[in-house]
Amino acid sequence: MSVEKEKFVKEFKKRLYTFVLKLIDFINNLLQDRVSNRLSDQLLRSGASVLSNYVEGQSSYSKKEFTNFLTISLKSANESKVWLALLKDSKRATIQKTAWFLSELDELSKILASSVLKCKGKR
């Protein structure tokens, strides 16, 4: 792996880790009602899955396995957008509090999607 690629992987992993830490704090400060708890549980699972699948993919034994882990990470990022939108639209979280997360997930999704396409030789 080139030095440039190693640097990207390290920085991207750090970015994902920071995202999950901020997500934990965000979820911890939500209203504590039945719907909020259910949505936030789903959000935590999908949000943490973005990081965990990316990290797991780094130790893949094949390009195909690596691509599969990146694809799962991408799907988890997209799923997280749904849970955040539901929290926002059901007024359990404000637009201001969800805006950063939705924006960050859009960027992370684009990076992951580009990586998946590159691994599949379509880019």
PDB file of N, CA and C in Angstrom:
ATOM      1  N   MET A   1       0.852  -1.176   0.000  1.00  0.00           N
ATOM      2  CA  MET A   1       0.000   0.000   0.000  1.00  0.00           C
ATOM      3  C   MET A   1       0.895   1.235   0.000  1.00  0.00           C
ATOM      4  N   SER A   2       0.573   2.199  -0.858  1.00  0.00           N
ATOM      5  CA  SER A   2       1.374   3.410  -0.949  1.00  0.00           C
ATOM      6  C   SER A   2       1.191   4.266   0.297  1.00  0.00           C
ATOM      7  N   VAL A   3       2.132   5.147   0.515  1.00  0.00           N
ATOM      8  CA  VAL A   3       2.094   6.034   1.668  1.00  0.00           C
ATOM      9  C   VAL A   3       0.842   6.917   1.618  1.00  0.00           C
ATOM     10  N   GLU A   4       0.529   7.383   0.420  1.00  0.00           N
ATOM     11  CA  GLU A   4      -0.654   8.234   0.242  1.00  0.00           C
ATOM     12  C   GLU A   4      -1.936   7.476   0.589  1.00  0.00           C
ATOM     13  N   LYS A   5      -2.009   6.250   0.127  1.00  0.00           N
ATOM     14  CA  LYS A   5      -3.191   5.428   0.405  1.00  0.00           C
ATOM     15  C   LYS A   5      -3.286   5.105   1.892  1.00  0.00           C
ATOM     16  N   GLU A   6      -2.169   4.787   2.516  1.00  0.00           N
ATOM     17  CA  GLU A   6      -2.147   4.513   3.960  1.00  0.00           C
ATOM     18  C   GLU A   6      -2.622   5.730   4.748  1.00  0.00           C
ATOM     19  N   LYS A   7      -2.202   6.902   4.327  1.00  0.00           N
ATOM     20  CA  LYS A   7      -2.609   8.136   4.994  1.00  0.00           C
ATOM     21  C   LYS A   7      -4.115   8.337   4.852  1.00  0.00           C
ATOM     22  N   PHE A   8      -4.648   8.103   3.641  1.00  0.00           N
ATOM     23  CA  PHE A   8      -6.085   8.247   3.417  1.00  0.00           C
ATOM     24  C   PHE A   8      -6.871   7.292   4.311  1.00  0.00           C
ATOM     25  N   VAL A   9      -6.453   6.023   4.347  1.00  0.00           N
ATOM     26  CA  VAL A   9      -7.146   5.012   5.150  1.00  0.00           C
ATOM     27  C   VAL A   9      -7.147   5.418   6.619  1.00  0.00           C
ATOM     28  N   LYS A  10      -6.012   5.870   7.108  1.00  0.00           N
ATOM     29  CA  LYS A  10      -5.891   6.292   8.514  1.00  0.00           C
ATOM     30  C   LYS A  10      -6.802   7.485   8.801  1.00  0.00           C
ATOM     31  N   GLU A  11      -6.778   8.477   7.937  1.00  0.00           N
ATOM     32  CA  GLU A  11      -7.608   9.673   8.132  1.00  0.00           C
ATOM     33  C   GLU A  11      -9.097   9.361   7.998  1.00  0.00           C
ATOM     34  N   PHE A  12      -9.452   8.500   7.051  1.00  0.00           N
ATOM     35  CA  PHE A  12     -10.855   8.150   6.863  1.00  0.00           C
ATOM     36  C   PHE A  12     -11.371   7.360   8.055  1.00  0.00           C
ATOM     37  N   LYS A  13     -10.565   6.450   8.561  1.00  0.00           N
ATOM     38  CA  LYS A  13     -10.946   5.673   9.744  1.00  0.00           C
ATOM     39  C   LYS A  13     -11.134   6.605  10.946  1.00  0.00           C
ATOM     40  N   LYS A  14     -10.243   7.578  11.080  1.00  0.00           N
ATOM     41  CA  LYS A  14     -10.354   8.559  12.171  1.00  0.00           C
ATOM     42  C   LYS A  14     -11.627   9.389  12.007  1.00  0.00           C
ATOM     43  N   ARG A  15     -11.944   9.755  10.786  1.00  0.00           N
ATOM     44  CA  ARG A  15     -13.166  10.524  10.502  1.00  0.00           C
ATOM     45  C   ARG A  15     -14.412   9.719  10.857  1.00  0.00           C
ATOM     46  N   LEU A  16     -14.423   8.443  10.499  1.00  0.00           N
ATOM     47  CA  LEU A  16     -15.547   7.580  10.844  1.00  0.00           C
ATOM     48  C   LEU A  16     -15.670   7.415  12.356  1.00  0.00           C
ATOM     49  N   TYR A  17     -14.551   7.245  13.024  1.00  0.00           N
ATOM     50  CA  TYR A  17     -14.544   7.086  14.477  1.00  0.00           C
ATOM     51  C   TYR A  17     -15.105   8.342  15.157  1.00  0.00           C
ATOM     52  N   THR A  18     -14.670   9.497  14.702  1.00  0.00           N
ATOM     53  CA  THR A  18     -15.172  10.770  15.237  1.00  0.00           C
ATOM     54  C   THR A  18     -16.668  10.907  14.990  1.00  0.00           C
ATOM     55  N   PHE A  19     -17.112  10.506  13.808  1.00  0.00           N
ATOM     56  CA  PHE A  19     -18.536  10.531  13.489  1.00  0.00           C
ATOM     57  C   PHE A  19     -19.330   9.706  14.495  1.00  0.00           C
ATOM     58  N   VAL A  20     -18.876   8.499  14.776  1.00  0.00           N
ATOM     59  CA  VAL A  20     -19.597   7.622  15.709  1.00  0.00           C
ATOM     60  C   VAL A  20     -19.585   8.205  17.123  1.00  0.00           C
ATOM     61  N   LEU A  21     -18.470   8.770  17.554  1.00  0.00           N
ATOM     62  CA  LEU A  21     -18.421   9.398  18.884  1.00  0.00           C
ATOM     63  C   LEU A  21     -19.431  10.541  18.995  1.00  0.00           C
ATOM     64  N   LYS A  22     -19.506  11.368  17.962  1.00  0.00           N
ATOM     65  CA  LYS A  22     -20.476  12.469  17.953  1.00  0.00           C
ATOM     66  C   LYS A  22     -21.902  11.927  17.913  1.00  0.00           C
ATOM     67  N   LEU A  23     -22.099  10.840  17.190  1.00  0.00           N
ATOM     68  CA  LEU A  23     -23.421  10.217  17.104  1.00  0.00           C
ATOM     69  C   LEU A  23     -23.857   9.687  18.477  1.00  0.00           C
ATOM     70  N   ILE A  24     -22.939   9.086  19.199  1.00  0.00           N
ATOM     71  CA  ILE A  24     -23.245   8.587  20.545  1.00  0.00           C
ATOM     72  C   ILE A  24     -23.687   9.742  21.439  1.00  0.00           C
ATOM     73  N   ASP A  25     -22.966  10.840  21.384  1.00  0.00           N
ATOM     74  CA  ASP A  25     -23.318  12.011  22.189  1.00  0.00           C
ATOM     75  C   ASP A  25     -24.684  12.561  21.781  1.00  0.00           C
ATOM     76  N   PHE A  26     -24.936  12.647  20.487  1.00  0.00           N
ATOM     77  CA  PHE A  26     -26.217  13.125  19.964  1.00  0.00           C
ATOM     78  C   PHE A  26     -27.360  12.248  20.469  1.00  0.00           C
ATOM     79  N   ILE A  27     -27.208  10.945  20.340  1.00  0.00           N
ATOM     80  CA  ILE A  27     -28.246  10.006  20.757  1.00  0.00           C
ATOM     81  C   ILE A  27     -28.469  10.078  22.264  1.00  0.00           C
ATOM     82  N   ASN A  28     -27.397  10.207  22.995  1.00  0.00           N
ATOM     83  CA  ASN A  28     -27.489  10.269  24.451  1.00  0.00           C
ATOM     84  C   ASN A  28     -28.292  11.480  24.932  1.00  0.00           C
ATOM     85  N   ASN A  29     -28.372  12.518  24.112  1.00  0.00           N
ATOM     86  CA  ASN A  29     -29.085  13.742  24.490  1.00  0.00           C
ATOM     87  C   ASN A  29     -30.480  13.860  23.893  1.00  0.00           C
ATOM     88  N   LEU A  30     -30.958  12.804  23.239  1.00  0.00           N
ATOM     89  CA  LEU A  30     -32.315  12.832  22.688  1.00  0.00           C
ATOM     90  C   LEU A  30     -33.358  12.660  23.792  1.00  0.00           C
ATOM     91  N   LEU A  31     -34.586  13.036  23.468  1.00  0.00           N
ATOM     92  CA  LEU A  31     -35.698  12.777  24.375  1.00  0.00           C
ATOM     93  C   LEU A  31     -35.756  11.285  24.684  1.00  0.00           C
ATOM     94  N   GLN A  32     -36.215  10.963  25.872  1.00  0.00           N
ATOM     95  CA  GLN A  32     -36.318   9.564  26.271  1.00  0.00           C
ATOM     96  C   GLN A  32     -37.778   9.122  26.236  1.00  0.00           C
ATOM     97  N   ASP A  33     -38.285   8.883  25.032  1.00  0.00           N
ATOM     98  CA  ASP A  33     -39.633   8.325  24.904  1.00  0.00           C
ATOM     99  C   ASP A  33     -39.533   7.067  24.042  1.00  0.00           C
ATOM    100  N   ARG A  34     -40.631   6.370  23.932  1.00  0.00           N
ATOM    101  CA  ARG A  34     -40.630   5.079  23.251  1.00  0.00           C
ATOM    102  C   ARG A  34     -40.136   5.171  21.802  1.00  0.00           C
ATOM    103  N   VAL A  35     -40.652   6.135  21.063  1.00  0.00           N
ATOM    104  CA  VAL A  35     -40.272   6.275  19.656  1.00  0.00           C
ATOM    105  C   VAL A  35     -38.818   6.726  19.523  1.00  0.00           C
ATOM    106  N   SER A  36     -38.427   7.709  20.296  1.00  0.00           N
ATOM    107  CA  SER A  36     -37.034   8.186  20.244  1.00  0.00           C
ATOM    108  C   SER A  36     -36.062   7.064  20.565  1.00  0.00           C
ATOM    109  N   ASN A  37     -36.396   6.280  21.569  1.00  0.00           N
ATOM    110  CA  ASN A  37     -35.513   5.172  21.953  1.00  0.00           C
ATOM    111  C   ASN A  37     -35.380   4.155  20.825  1.00  0.00           C
ATOM    112  N   ARG A  38     -36.496   3.827  20.187  1.00  0.00           N
ATOM    113  CA  ARG A  38     -36.465   2.840  19.105  1.00  0.00           C
ATOM    114  C   ARG A  38     -35.660   3.365  17.918  1.00  0.00           C
ATOM    115  N   LEU A  39     -35.939   4.611  17.512  1.00  0.00           N
ATOM    116  CA  LEU A  39     -35.220   5.194  16.376  1.00  0.00           C
ATOM    117  C   LEU A  39     -33.738   5.367  16.687  1.00  0.00           C
ATOM    118  N   SER A  40     -33.429   5.805  17.899  1.00  0.00           N
ATOM    119  CA  SER A  40     -32.030   6.017  18.255  1.00  0.00           C
ATOM    120  C   SER A  40     -31.270   4.700  18.360  1.00  0.00           C
ATOM    121  N   ASP A  41     -31.927   3.627  18.796  1.00  0.00           N
ATOM    122  CA  ASP A  41     -31.273   2.310  18.800  1.00  0.00           C
ATOM    123  C   ASP A  41     -30.884   1.907  17.380  1.00  0.00           C
ATOM    124  N   GLN A  42     -31.811   2.086  16.449  1.00  0.00           N
ATOM    125  CA  GLN A  42     -31.545   1.744  15.053  1.00  0.00           C
ATOM    126  C   GLN A  42     -30.433   2.623  14.479  1.00  0.00           C
ATOM    127  N   LEU A  43     -30.472   3.907  14.820  1.00  0.00           N
ATOM    128  CA  LEU A  43     -29.456   4.841  14.335  1.00  0.00           C
ATOM    129  C   LEU A  43     -28.075   4.468  14.870  1.00  0.00           C
ATOM    130  N   LEU A  44     -27.998   4.117  16.128  1.00  0.00           N
ATOM    131  CA  LEU A  44     -26.702   3.739  16.697  1.00  0.00           C
ATOM    132  C   LEU A  44     -26.153   2.483  16.023  1.00  0.00           C
ATOM    133  N   ARG A  45     -27.016   1.518  15.779  1.00  0.00           N
ATOM    134  CA  ARG A  45     -26.576   0.283  15.115  1.00  0.00           C
ATOM    135  C   ARG A  45     -26.056   0.563  13.709  1.00  0.00           C
ATOM    136  N   SER A  46     -26.834   1.301  12.924  1.00  0.00           N
ATOM    137  CA  SER A  46     -26.420   1.557  11.549  1.00  0.00           C
ATOM    138  C   SER A  46     -25.227   2.508  11.498  1.00  0.00           C
ATOM    139  N   GLY A  47     -25.233   3.520  12.367  1.00  0.00           N
ATOM    140  CA  GLY A  47     -24.121   4.479  12.378  1.00  0.00           C
ATOM    141  C   GLY A  47     -22.804   3.834  12.774  1.00  0.00           C
ATOM    142  N   ALA A  48     -22.836   3.003  13.800  1.00  0.00           N
ATOM    143  CA  ALA A  48     -21.618   2.305  14.231  1.00  0.00           C
ATOM    144  C   ALA A  48     -21.186   1.269  13.199  1.00  0.00           C
ATOM    145  N   SER A  49     -22.144   0.729  12.471  1.00  0.00           N
ATOM    146  CA  SER A  49     -21.850  -0.264  11.439  1.00  0.00           C
ATOM    147  C   SER A  49     -21.018   0.332  10.301  1.00  0.00           C
ATOM    148  N   VAL A  50     -21.184   1.609  10.042  1.00  0.00           N
ATOM    149  CA  VAL A  50     -20.382   2.263   8.999  1.00  0.00           C
ATOM    150  C   VAL A  50     -18.904   2.103   9.348  1.00  0.00           C
ATOM    151  N   LEU A  51     -18.561   2.413  10.584  1.00  0.00           N
ATOM    152  CA  LEU A  51     -17.175   2.303  11.050  1.00  0.00           C
ATOM    153  C   LEU A  51     -16.730   0.851  11.142  1.00  0.00           C
ATOM    154  N   SER A  52     -17.523   0.026  11.802  1.00  0.00           N
ATOM    155  CA  SER A  52     -17.078  -1.346  12.063  1.00  0.00           C
ATOM    156  C   SER A  52     -16.855  -2.140  10.783  1.00  0.00           C
ATOM    157  N   ASN A  53     -17.709  -1.959   9.799  1.00  0.00           N
ATOM    158  CA  ASN A  53     -17.520  -2.682   8.541  1.00  0.00           C
ATOM    159  C   ASN A  53     -16.336  -2.147   7.744  1.00  0.00           C
ATOM    160  N   TYR A  54     -16.084  -0.860   7.827  1.00  0.00           N
ATOM    161  CA  TYR A  54     -14.907  -0.307   7.162  1.00  0.00           C
ATOM    162  C   TYR A  54     -13.640  -0.876   7.792  1.00  0.00           C
ATOM    163  N   VAL A  55     -13.598  -0.899   9.115  1.00  0.00           N
ATOM    164  CA  VAL A  55     -12.429  -1.425   9.825  1.00  0.00           C
ATOM    165  C   VAL A  55     -12.253  -2.911   9.514  1.00  0.00           C
ATOM    166  N   GLU A  56     -13.338  -3.651   9.555  1.00  0.00           N
ATOM    167  CA  GLU A  56     -13.272  -5.080   9.247  1.00  0.00           C
ATOM    168  C   GLU A  56     -12.768  -5.308   7.824  1.00  0.00           C
ATOM    169  N   GLY A  57     -13.198  -4.469   6.915  1.00  0.00           N
ATOM    170  CA  GLY A  57     -12.759  -4.586   5.528  1.00  0.00           C
ATOM    171  C   GLY A  57     -11.260  -4.398   5.357  1.00  0.00           C
ATOM    172  N   GLN A  58     -10.647  -3.637   6.229  1.00  0.00           N
ATOM    173  CA  GLN A  58      -9.207  -3.394   6.130  1.00  0.00           C
ATOM    174  C   GLN A  58      -8.391  -4.671   6.316  1.00  0.00           C
ATOM    175  N   SER A  59      -8.972  -5.653   6.977  1.00  0.00           N
ATOM    176  CA  SER A  59      -8.231  -6.907   7.175  1.00  0.00           C
ATOM    177  C   SER A  59      -8.764  -8.030   6.281  1.00  0.00           C
ATOM    178  N   SER A  60      -9.425  -7.651   5.207  1.00  0.00           N
ATOM    179  CA  SER A  60      -9.970  -8.629   4.274  1.00  0.00           C
ATOM    180  C   SER A  60      -8.861  -9.435   3.623  1.00  0.00           C
ATOM    181  N   TYR A  61      -9.180 -10.664   3.277  1.00  0.00           N
ATOM    182  CA  TYR A  61      -8.200 -11.529   2.626  1.00  0.00           C
ATOM    183  C   TYR A  61      -8.286 -11.472   1.107  1.00  0.00           C
ATOM    184  N   SER A  62      -9.337 -10.811   0.592  1.00  0.00           N
ATOM    185  CA  SER A  62      -9.458 -10.697  -0.867  1.00  0.00           C
ATOM    186  C   SER A  62     -10.109  -9.368  -1.228  1.00  0.00           C
ATOM    187  N   LYS A  63      -9.940  -8.996  -2.480  1.00  0.00           N
ATOM    188  CA  LYS A  63     -10.548  -7.760  -2.981  1.00  0.00           C
ATOM    189  C   LYS A  63     -12.068  -7.861  -2.931  1.00  0.00           C
ATOM    190  N   LYS A  64     -12.596  -9.047  -3.235  1.00  0.00           N
ATOM    191  CA  LYS A  64     -14.048  -9.248  -3.217  1.00  0.00           C
ATOM    192  C   LYS A  64     -14.595  -9.069  -1.793  1.00  0.00           C
ATOM    193  N   GLU A  65     -13.918  -9.640  -0.820  1.00  0.00           N
ATOM    194  CA  GLU A  65     -14.364  -9.492   0.565  1.00  0.00           C
ATOM    195  C   GLU A  65     -14.283  -8.024   1.000  1.00  0.00           C
ATOM    196  N   PHE A  66     -13.200  -7.360   0.639  1.00  0.00           N
ATOM    197  CA  PHE A  66     -13.037  -5.949   0.953  1.00  0.00           C
ATOM    198  C   PHE A  66     -14.179  -5.129   0.357  1.00  0.00           C
ATOM    199  N   THR A  67     -14.508  -5.400  -0.898  1.00  0.00           N
ATOM    200  CA  THR A  67     -15.602  -4.700  -1.570  1.00  0.00           C
ATOM    201  C   THR A  67     -16.926  -4.950  -0.867  1.00  0.00           C
ATOM    202  N   ASN A  68     -17.149  -6.172  -0.418  1.00  0.00           N
ATOM    203  CA  ASN A  68     -18.383  -6.486   0.306  1.00  0.00           C
ATOM    204  C   ASN A  68     -18.492  -5.690   1.606  1.00  0.00           C
ATOM    205  N   PHE A  69     -17.399  -5.586   2.345  1.00  0.00           N
ATOM    206  CA  PHE A  69     -17.425  -4.810   3.585  1.00  0.00           C
ATOM    207  C   PHE A  69     -17.671  -3.326   3.305  1.00  0.00           C
ATOM    208  N   LEU A  70     -17.054  -2.803   2.251  1.00  0.00           N
ATOM    209  CA  LEU A  70     -17.300  -1.400   1.888  1.00  0.00           C
ATOM    210  C   LEU A  70     -18.761  -1.193   1.500  1.00  0.00           C
ATOM    211  N   THR A  71     -19.326  -2.145   0.798  1.00  0.00           N
ATOM    212  CA  THR A  71     -20.727  -2.059   0.380  1.00  0.00           C
ATOM    213  C   THR A  71     -21.652  -2.058   1.593  1.00  0.00           C
ATOM    214  N   ILE A  72     -21.366  -2.903   2.562  1.00  0.00           N
ATOM    215  CA  ILE A  72     -22.170  -2.929   3.790  1.00  0.00           C
ATOM    216  C   ILE A  72     -22.035  -1.604   4.531  1.00  0.00           C
ATOM    217  N   SER A  73     -20.835  -1.076   4.583  1.00  0.00           N
ATOM    218  CA  SER A  73     -20.599   0.214   5.225  1.00  0.00           C
ATOM    219  C   SER A  73     -21.402   1.317   4.531  1.00  0.00           C
ATOM    220  N   LEU A  74     -21.424   1.294   3.207  1.00  0.00           N
ATOM    221  CA  LEU A  74     -22.203   2.267   2.433  1.00  0.00           C
ATOM    222  C   LEU A  74     -23.696   2.126   2.722  1.00  0.00           C
ATOM    223  N   LYS A  75     -24.187   0.908   2.744  1.00  0.00           N
ATOM    224  CA  LYS A  75     -25.604   0.677   3.039  1.00  0.00           C
ATOM    225  C   LYS A  75     -25.956   1.165   4.444  1.00  0.00           C
ATOM    226  N   SER A  76     -25.066   0.963   5.383  1.00  0.00           N
ATOM    227  CA  SER A  76     -25.302   1.429   6.748  1.00  0.00           C
ATOM    228  C   SER A  76     -25.342   2.952   6.821  1.00  0.00           C
ATOM    229  N   ALA A  77     -24.496   3.601   6.037  1.00  0.00           N
ATOM    230  CA  ALA A  77     -24.509   5.072   5.994  1.00  0.00           C
ATOM    231  C   ALA A  77     -25.844   5.564   5.436  1.00  0.00           C
ATOM    232  N   ASN A  78     -26.317   4.917   4.385  1.00  0.00           N
ATOM    233  CA  ASN A  78     -27.604   5.306   3.799  1.00  0.00           C
ATOM    234  C   ASN A  78     -28.755   5.034   4.759  1.00  0.00           C
ATOM    235  N   GLU A  79     -28.698   3.911   5.461  1.00  0.00           N
ATOM    236  CA  GLU A  79     -29.737   3.605   6.450  1.00  0.00           C
ATOM    237  C   GLU A  79     -29.740   4.643   7.573  1.00  0.00           C
ATOM    238  N   SER A  80     -28.570   5.060   7.993  1.00  0.00           N
ATOM    239  CA  SER A  80     -28.469   6.059   9.067  1.00  0.00           C
ATOM    240  C   SER A  80     -29.148   7.369   8.686  1.00  0.00           C
ATOM    241  N   LYS A  81     -29.070   7.722   7.405  1.00  0.00           N
ATOM    242  CA  LYS A  81     -29.740   8.938   6.929  1.00  0.00           C
ATOM    243  C   LYS A  81     -31.245   8.846   7.158  1.00  0.00           C
ATOM    244  N   VAL A  82     -31.804   7.665   6.957  1.00  0.00           N
ATOM    245  CA  VAL A  82     -33.250   7.470   7.149  1.00  0.00           C
ATOM    246  C   VAL A  82     -33.631   7.690   8.610  1.00  0.00           C
ATOM    247  N   TRP A  83     -32.874   7.088   9.532  1.00  0.00           N
ATOM    248  CA  TRP A  83     -33.195   7.234  10.960  1.00  0.00           C
ATOM    249  C   TRP A  83     -33.048   8.681  11.414  1.00  0.00           C
ATOM    250  N   LEU A  84     -32.028   9.361  10.911  1.00  0.00           N
ATOM    251  CA  LEU A  84     -31.858  10.779  11.261  1.00  0.00           C
ATOM    252  C   LEU A  84     -33.011  11.616  10.714  1.00  0.00           C
ATOM    253  N   ALA A  85     -33.416  11.344   9.487  1.00  0.00           N
ATOM    254  CA  ALA A  85     -34.532  12.085   8.892  1.00  0.00           C
ATOM    255  C   ALA A  85     -35.813  11.850   9.680  1.00  0.00           C
ATOM    256  N   LEU A  86     -36.035  10.622  10.120  1.00  0.00           N
ATOM    257  CA  LEU A  86     -37.229  10.329  10.919  1.00  0.00           C
ATOM    258  C   LEU A  86     -37.189  11.040  12.265  1.00  0.00           C
ATOM    259  N   LEU A  87     -36.030  11.086  12.895  1.00  0.00           N
ATOM    260  CA  LEU A  87     -35.904  11.819  14.160  1.00  0.00           C
ATOM    261  C   LEU A  87     -36.179  13.307  13.950  1.00  0.00           C
ATOM    262  N   LYS A  88     -35.663  13.838  12.849  1.00  0.00           N
ATOM    263  CA  LYS A  88     -35.864  15.256  12.534  1.00  0.00           C
ATOM    264  C   LYS A  88     -37.326  15.538  12.199  1.00  0.00           C
ATOM    265  N   ASP A  89     -37.890  14.759  11.296  1.00  0.00           N
ATOM    266  CA  ASP A  89     -39.248  15.025  10.817  1.00  0.00           C
ATOM    267  C   ASP A  89     -40.327  14.713  11.853  1.00  0.00           C
ATOM    268  N   SER A  90     -40.016  13.859  12.809  1.00  0.00           N
ATOM    269  CA  SER A  90     -40.963  13.579  13.894  1.00  0.00           C
ATOM    270  C   SER A  90     -40.759  14.546  15.068  1.00  0.00           C
ATOM    271  N   LYS A  91     -39.877  15.510  14.850  1.00  0.00           N
ATOM    272  CA  LYS A  91     -39.594  16.581  15.815  1.00  0.00           C
ATOM    273  C   LYS A  91     -38.990  16.066  17.125  1.00  0.00           C
ATOM    274  N   ARG A  92     -38.270  14.972  17.041  1.00  0.00           N
ATOM    275  CA  ARG A  92     -37.560  14.460  18.203  1.00  0.00           C
ATOM    276  C   ARG A  92     -36.135  15.012  18.240  1.00  0.00           C
ATOM    277  N   ALA A  93     -35.713  15.589  17.128  1.00  0.00           N
ATOM    278  CA  ALA A  93     -34.420  16.264  17.024  1.00  0.00           C
ATOM    279  C   ALA A  93     -34.600  17.437  16.072  1.00  0.00           C
ATOM    280  N   THR A  94     -33.863  18.493  16.314  1.00  0.00           N
ATOM    281  CA  THR A  94     -34.010  19.692  15.484  1.00  0.00           C
ATOM    282  C   THR A  94     -33.223  19.565  14.180  1.00  0.00           C
ATOM    283  N   ILE A  95     -33.608  20.401  13.237  1.00  0.00           N
ATOM    284  CA  ILE A  95     -32.893  20.459  11.959  1.00  0.00           C
ATOM    285  C   ILE A  95     -31.423  20.805  12.210  1.00  0.00           C
ATOM    286  N   GLN A  96     -31.196  21.737  13.126  1.00  0.00           N
ATOM    287  CA  GLN A  96     -29.827  22.157  13.427  1.00  0.00           C
ATOM    288  C   GLN A  96     -28.989  20.997  13.978  1.00  0.00           C
ATOM    289  N   LYS A  97     -29.598  20.164  14.822  1.00  0.00           N
ATOM    290  CA  LYS A  97     -28.845  19.063  15.432  1.00  0.00           C
ATOM    291  C   LYS A  97     -28.602  17.912  14.470  1.00  0.00           C
ATOM    292  N   THR A  98     -29.457  17.756  13.478  1.00  0.00           N
ATOM    293  CA  THR A  98     -29.283  16.656  12.526  1.00  0.00           C
ATOM    294  C   THR A  98     -28.515  17.077  11.269  1.00  0.00           C
ATOM    295  N   ALA A  99     -28.432  18.370  11.009  1.00  0.00           N
ATOM    296  CA  ALA A  99     -27.833  18.861   9.761  1.00  0.00           C
ATOM    297  C   ALA A  99     -26.404  18.367   9.566  1.00  0.00           C
ATOM    298  N   TRP A 100     -25.574  18.485  10.597  1.00  0.00           N
ATOM    299  CA  TRP A 100     -24.180  18.061  10.457  1.00  0.00           C
ATOM    300  C   TRP A 100     -24.102  16.571  10.144  1.00  0.00           C
ATOM    301  N   PHE A 101     -24.880  15.770  10.845  1.00  0.00           N
ATOM    302  CA  PHE A 101     -24.852  14.323  10.640  1.00  0.00           C
ATOM    303  C   PHE A 101     -25.282  13.949   9.226  1.00  0.00           C
ATOM    304  N   LEU A 102     -26.345  14.571   8.752  1.00  0.00           N
ATOM    305  CA  LEU A 102     -26.815  14.276   7.396  1.00  0.00           C
ATOM    306  C   LEU A 102     -25.791  14.697   6.349  1.00  0.00           C
ATOM    307  N   SER A 103     -25.173  15.841   6.563  1.00  0.00           N
ATOM    308  CA  SER A 103     -24.140  16.320   5.644  1.00  0.00           C
ATOM    309  C   SER A 103     -22.920  15.391   5.669  1.00  0.00           C
ATOM    310  N   GLU A 104     -22.507  15.013   6.851  1.00  0.00           N
ATOM    311  CA  GLU A 104     -21.348  14.125   6.982  1.00  0.00           C
ATOM    312  C   GLU A 104     -21.640  12.760   6.359  1.00  0.00           C
ATOM    313  N   LEU A 105     -22.842  12.242   6.574  1.00  0.00           N
ATOM    314  CA  LEU A 105     -23.211  10.962   5.974  1.00  0.00           C
ATOM    315  C   LEU A 105     -23.248  11.043   4.453  1.00  0.00           C
ATOM    316  N   ASP A 106     -23.671  12.179   3.908  1.00  0.00           N
ATOM    317  CA  ASP A 106     -23.646  12.350   2.454  1.00  0.00           C
ATOM    318  C   ASP A 106     -22.208  12.254   1.928  1.00  0.00           C
ATOM    319  N   GLU A 107     -21.295  12.931   2.604  1.00  0.00           N
ATOM    320  CA  GLU A 107     -19.892  12.898   2.182  1.00  0.00           C
ATOM    321  C   GLU A 107     -19.290  11.513   2.343  1.00  0.00           C
ATOM    322  N   LEU A 108     -19.560  10.880   3.481  1.00  0.00           N
ATOM    323  CA  LEU A 108     -19.034   9.537   3.719  1.00  0.00           C
ATOM    324  C   LEU A 108     -19.581   8.558   2.685  1.00  0.00           C
ATOM    325  N   SER A 109     -20.863   8.695   2.361  1.00  0.00           N
ATOM    326  CA  SER A 109     -21.487   7.821   1.364  1.00  0.00           C
ATOM    327  C   SER A 109     -20.831   7.986  -0.002  1.00  0.00           C
ATOM    328  N   LYS A 110     -20.529   9.213  -0.369  1.00  0.00           N
ATOM    329  CA  LYS A 110     -19.885   9.464  -1.659  1.00  0.00           C
ATOM    330  C   LYS A 110     -18.495   8.833  -1.713  1.00  0.00           C
ATOM    331  N   ILE A 111     -17.758   8.938  -0.623  1.00  0.00           N
ATOM    332  CA  ILE A 111     -16.420   8.347  -0.565  1.00  0.00           C
ATOM    333  C   ILE A 111     -16.518   6.825  -0.651  1.00  0.00           C
ATOM    334  N   LEU A 112     -17.431   6.260   0.127  1.00  0.00           N
ATOM    335  CA  LEU A 112     -17.596   4.801   0.121  1.00  0.00           C
ATOM    336  C   LEU A 112     -18.080   4.294  -1.241  1.00  0.00           C
ATOM    337  N   ALA A 113     -19.044   5.007  -1.836  1.00  0.00           N
ATOM    338  CA  ALA A 113     -19.562   4.598  -3.142  1.00  0.00           C
ATOM    339  C   ALA A 113     -18.468   4.655  -4.200  1.00  0.00           C
ATOM    340  N   SER A 114     -17.665   5.689  -4.160  1.00  0.00           N
ATOM    341  CA  SER A 114     -16.556   5.810  -5.105  1.00  0.00           C
ATOM    342  C   SER A 114     -15.564   4.666  -4.922  1.00  0.00           C
ATOM    343  N   SER A 115     -15.299   4.316  -3.674  1.00  0.00           N
ATOM    344  CA  SER A 115     -14.380   3.210  -3.379  1.00  0.00           C
ATOM    345  C   SER A 115     -14.933   1.879  -3.881  1.00  0.00           C
ATOM    346  N   VAL A 116     -16.237   1.672  -3.681  1.00  0.00           N
ATOM    347  CA  VAL A 116     -16.874   0.433  -4.151  1.00  0.00           C
ATOM    348  C   VAL A 116     -16.763   0.347  -5.672  1.00  0.00           C
ATOM    349  N   LEU A 117     -17.081   1.426  -6.356  1.00  0.00           N
ATOM    350  CA  LEU A 117     -16.991   1.430  -7.822  1.00  0.00           C
ATOM    351  C   LEU A 117     -15.576   1.163  -8.301  1.00  0.00           C
ATOM    352  N   LYS A 118     -14.615   1.762  -7.630  1.00  0.00           N
ATOM    353  CA  LYS A 118     -13.216   1.560  -8.007  1.00  0.00           C
ATOM    354  C   LYS A 118     -12.812   0.102  -7.802  1.00  0.00           C
ATOM    355  N   CYS A 119     -13.247  -0.484  -6.692  1.00  0.00           N
ATOM    356  CA  CYS A 119     -12.930  -1.896  -6.425  1.00  0.00           C
ATOM    357  C   CYS A 119     -13.568  -2.814  -7.457  1.00  0.00           C
ATOM    358  N   LYS A 120     -14.724  -2.441  -7.939  1.00  0.00           N
ATOM    359  CA  LYS A 120     -15.409  -3.270  -8.933  1.00  0.00           C
ATOM    360  C   LYS A 120     -14.937  -2.974 -10.357  1.00  0.00           C
ATOM    361  N   GLY A 121     -13.986  -2.039 -10.482  1.00  0.00           N
ATOM    362  CA  GLY A 121     -13.439  -1.724 -11.784  1.00  0.00           C
ATOM    363  C   GLY A 121     -14.348  -0.898 -12.660  1.00  0.00           C
ATOM    364  N   LYS A 122     -15.321  -0.228 -12.034  1.00  0.00           N
ATOM    365  CA  LYS A 122     -16.273   0.588 -12.792  1.00  0.00           C
ATOM    366  C   LYS A 122     -15.935   2.067 -12.747  1.00  0.00           C
ATOM    367  N   ARG A 123     -14.772   2.360 -12.257  1.00  0.00           N
ATOM    368  CA  ARG A 123     -14.370   3.760 -12.168  1.00  0.00           C
ATOM    369  C   ARG A 123     -12.888   3.875 -12.313  1.00  0.00           C
TER     370      ARG A 123
END
